Amino acid sequence: MSQLLRISEGASIAIHAMILLAGKRGRPVTNSVIAESFRVSANHSSKIMQRLLKAGLVKAIRGPGGGSALGTDPGEVTLLDIYRTIDGDPSNS
């Protein structure tokens, strides 16, 4: 039997956050909304969003009404891209 991919809580949050952002069609979503949506701490979701930002998968929008938005075309991002950003290459596990 082939080995199943284990997804960490961080990777799960990242995948769900990317889906949430894709549904907002460019409108920014605050970290508190992301944290509340997935019932995780704001600190944890903030760290996940920072990693997605560093990878270019999301962009930060500052100021009133700011938050996070997709940093790339959703059609160009794969689940593996998101997974690798948070947990690294699964073949190295």
C-alpha atoms as a PDB file:
ATOM      1  CA  MET A   1       0.000   0.000   0.000  1.00  0.00           C
ATOM      2  CA  SER A   2       1.309   3.445  -0.827  1.00  0.00           C
ATOM      3  CA  GLN A   3       1.994   5.875   1.988  1.00  0.00           C
ATOM      4  CA  LEU A   4      -0.683   8.460   2.687  1.00  0.00           C
ATOM      5  CA  LEU A   5       0.212  12.130   2.833  1.00  0.00           C
ATOM      6  CA  ARG A   6      -0.073  13.517   6.343  1.00  0.00           C
ATOM      7  CA  ILE A   7      -1.221  17.107   6.412  1.00  0.00           C
ATOM      8  CA  SER A   8      -0.246  19.210   9.394  1.00  0.00           C
ATOM      9  CA  GLU A   9      -2.656  21.603  11.047  1.00  0.00           C
ATOM     10  CA  GLY A  10      -0.647  24.469   9.532  1.00  0.00           C
ATOM     11  CA  ALA A  11      -0.948  23.099   6.002  1.00  0.00           C
ATOM     12  CA  SER A  12      -4.659  22.499   6.531  1.00  0.00           C
ATOM     13  CA  ILE A  13      -5.142  26.101   7.694  1.00  0.00           C
ATOM     14  CA  ALA A  14      -3.138  27.358   4.701  1.00  0.00           C
ATOM     15  CA  ILE A  15      -5.192  25.337   2.219  1.00  0.00           C
ATOM     16  CA  HIS A  16      -8.479  26.484   3.743  1.00  0.00           C
ATOM     17  CA  ALA A  17      -7.283  30.102   3.928  1.00  0.00           C
ATOM     18  CA  MET A  18      -6.333  30.050   0.245  1.00  0.00           C
ATOM     19  CA  ILE A  19      -9.795  28.712  -0.617  1.00  0.00           C
ATOM     20  CA  LEU A  20     -11.383  31.463   1.504  1.00  0.00           C
ATOM     21  CA  LEU A  21      -9.297  34.143  -0.221  1.00  0.00           C
ATOM     22  CA  ALA A  22     -10.095  32.742  -3.668  1.00  0.00           C
ATOM     23  CA  GLY A  23     -13.795  33.087  -2.878  1.00  0.00           C
ATOM     24  CA  LYS A  24     -13.327  36.763  -1.982  1.00  0.00           C
ATOM     25  CA  ARG A  25     -12.084  37.592  -5.520  1.00  0.00           C
ATOM     26  CA  GLY A  26      -9.380  40.037  -4.489  1.00  0.00           C
ATOM     27  CA  ARG A  27     -11.147  41.620  -1.538  1.00  0.00           C
ATOM     28  CA  PRO A  28      -8.844  41.527   1.494  1.00  0.00           C
ATOM     29  CA  VAL A  29      -9.640  39.347   4.493  1.00  0.00           C
ATOM     30  CA  THR A  30      -8.288  40.213   7.937  1.00  0.00           C
ATOM     31  CA  ASN A  31      -6.290  37.749   9.978  1.00  0.00           C
ATOM     32  CA  SER A  32      -8.935  37.794  12.700  1.00  0.00           C
ATOM     33  CA  VAL A  33     -11.587  36.675  10.184  1.00  0.00           C
ATOM     34  CA  ILE A  34      -9.300  33.884   8.978  1.00  0.00           C
ATOM     35  CA  ALA A  35      -8.567  32.759  12.548  1.00  0.00           C
ATOM     36  CA  GLU A  36     -12.245  32.835  13.528  1.00  0.00           C
ATOM     37  CA  SER A  37     -13.301  31.018  10.356  1.00  0.00           C
ATOM     38  CA  PHE A  38     -11.088  28.043  11.170  1.00  0.00           C
ATOM     39  CA  ARG A  39     -11.240  28.289  14.958  1.00  0.00           C
ATOM     40  CA  VAL A  40      -7.514  28.757  15.449  1.00  0.00           C
ATOM     41  CA  SER A  41      -5.546  31.375  17.333  1.00  0.00           C
ATOM     42  CA  ALA A  42      -4.815  34.652  15.589  1.00  0.00           C
ATOM     43  CA  ASN A  43      -1.097  34.106  16.284  1.00  0.00           C
ATOM     44  CA  HIS A  44      -1.111  30.723  14.556  1.00  0.00           C
ATOM     45  CA  SER A  45      -3.030  31.950  11.519  1.00  0.00           C
ATOM     46  CA  SER A  46      -0.778  35.009  11.315  1.00  0.00           C
ATOM     47  CA  LYS A  47       2.324  32.803  11.116  1.00  0.00           C
ATOM     48  CA  ILE A  48       0.720  30.695   8.387  1.00  0.00           C
ATOM     49  CA  MET A  49      -0.292  33.791   6.409  1.00  0.00           C
ATOM     50  CA  GLN A  50       3.243  35.210   6.739  1.00  0.00           C
ATOM     51  CA  ARG A  51       4.652  32.048   5.162  1.00  0.00           C
ATOM     52  CA  LEU A  52       2.141  32.253   2.320  1.00  0.00           C
ATOM     53  CA  LEU A  53       3.062  35.931   1.873  1.00  0.00           C
ATOM     54  CA  LYS A  54       6.789  35.151   1.739  1.00  0.00           C
ATOM     55  CA  ALA A  55       6.092  32.491  -0.916  1.00  0.00           C
ATOM     56  CA  GLY A  56       4.099  35.002  -2.993  1.00  0.00           C
ATOM     57  CA  LEU A  57       0.855  33.042  -2.699  1.00  0.00           C
ATOM     58  CA  VAL A  58      -0.863  35.904  -0.870  1.00  0.00           C
ATOM     59  CA  LYS A  59      -0.323  39.636  -0.721  1.00  0.00           C
ATOM     60  CA  ALA A  60      -0.728  41.982   2.216  1.00  0.00           C
ATOM     61  CA  ILE A  61      -2.979  45.004   1.864  1.00  0.00           C
ATOM     62  CA  ARG A  62      -2.280  47.656   4.474  1.00  0.00           C
ATOM     63  CA  GLY A  63      -4.502  50.279   5.998  1.00  0.00           C
ATOM     64  CA  PRO A  64      -8.176  50.441   6.851  1.00  0.00           C
ATOM     65  CA  GLY A  65     -10.017  47.656   5.096  1.00  0.00           C
ATOM     66  CA  GLY A  66      -6.748  45.821   4.563  1.00  0.00           C
ATOM     67  CA  GLY A  67      -5.818  42.223   5.133  1.00  0.00           C
ATOM     68  CA  SER A  68      -4.670  39.368   2.937  1.00  0.00           C
ATOM     69  CA  ALA A  69      -5.669  38.621  -0.640  1.00  0.00           C
ATOM     70  CA  LEU A  70      -4.469  36.126  -3.197  1.00  0.00           C
ATOM     71  CA  GLY A  71      -1.105  37.083  -4.592  1.00  0.00           C
ATOM     72  CA  THR A  72      -1.450  35.004  -7.737  1.00  0.00           C
ATOM     73  CA  ASP A  73      -4.065  33.636 -10.114  1.00  0.00           C
ATOM     74  CA  PRO A  74      -5.923  30.861  -8.262  1.00  0.00           C
ATOM     75  CA  GLY A  75      -5.761  28.710 -11.381  1.00  0.00           C
ATOM     76  CA  GLU A  76      -1.981  28.720 -11.136  1.00  0.00           C
ATOM     77  CA  VAL A  77      -1.748  27.477  -7.527  1.00  0.00           C
ATOM     78  CA  THR A  78      -1.873  23.797  -6.657  1.00  0.00           C
ATOM     79  CA  LEU A  79      -2.541  22.130  -3.332  1.00  0.00           C
ATOM     80  CA  LEU A  80       1.029  20.852  -3.528  1.00  0.00           C
ATOM     81  CA  ASP A  81       2.324  24.442  -3.804  1.00  0.00           C
ATOM     82  CA  ILE A  82       0.496  25.351  -0.609  1.00  0.00           C
ATOM     83  CA  TYR A  83       1.552  22.166   1.161  1.00  0.00           C
ATOM     84  CA  ARG A  84       5.221  22.680   0.242  1.00  0.00           C
ATOM     85  CA  THR A  85       5.106  26.265   1.491  1.00  0.00           C
ATOM     86  CA  ILE A  86       4.085  25.116   4.967  1.00  0.00           C
ATOM     87  CA  ASP A  87       5.397  21.544   5.366  1.00  0.00           C
ATOM     88  CA  GLY A  88       8.137  21.272   2.751  1.00  0.00           C
ATOM     89  CA  ASP A  89       8.523  18.635   0.058  1.00  0.00           C
ATOM     90  CA  PRO A  90       6.455  15.526   0.897  1.00  0.00           C
ATOM     91  CA  SER A  91       8.984  13.236  -0.777  1.00  0.00           C
ATOM     92  CA  ASN A  92      11.486  14.173   1.957  1.00  0.00           C
ATOM     93  CA  SER A  93       9.190  12.877   4.707  1.00  0.00           C
END
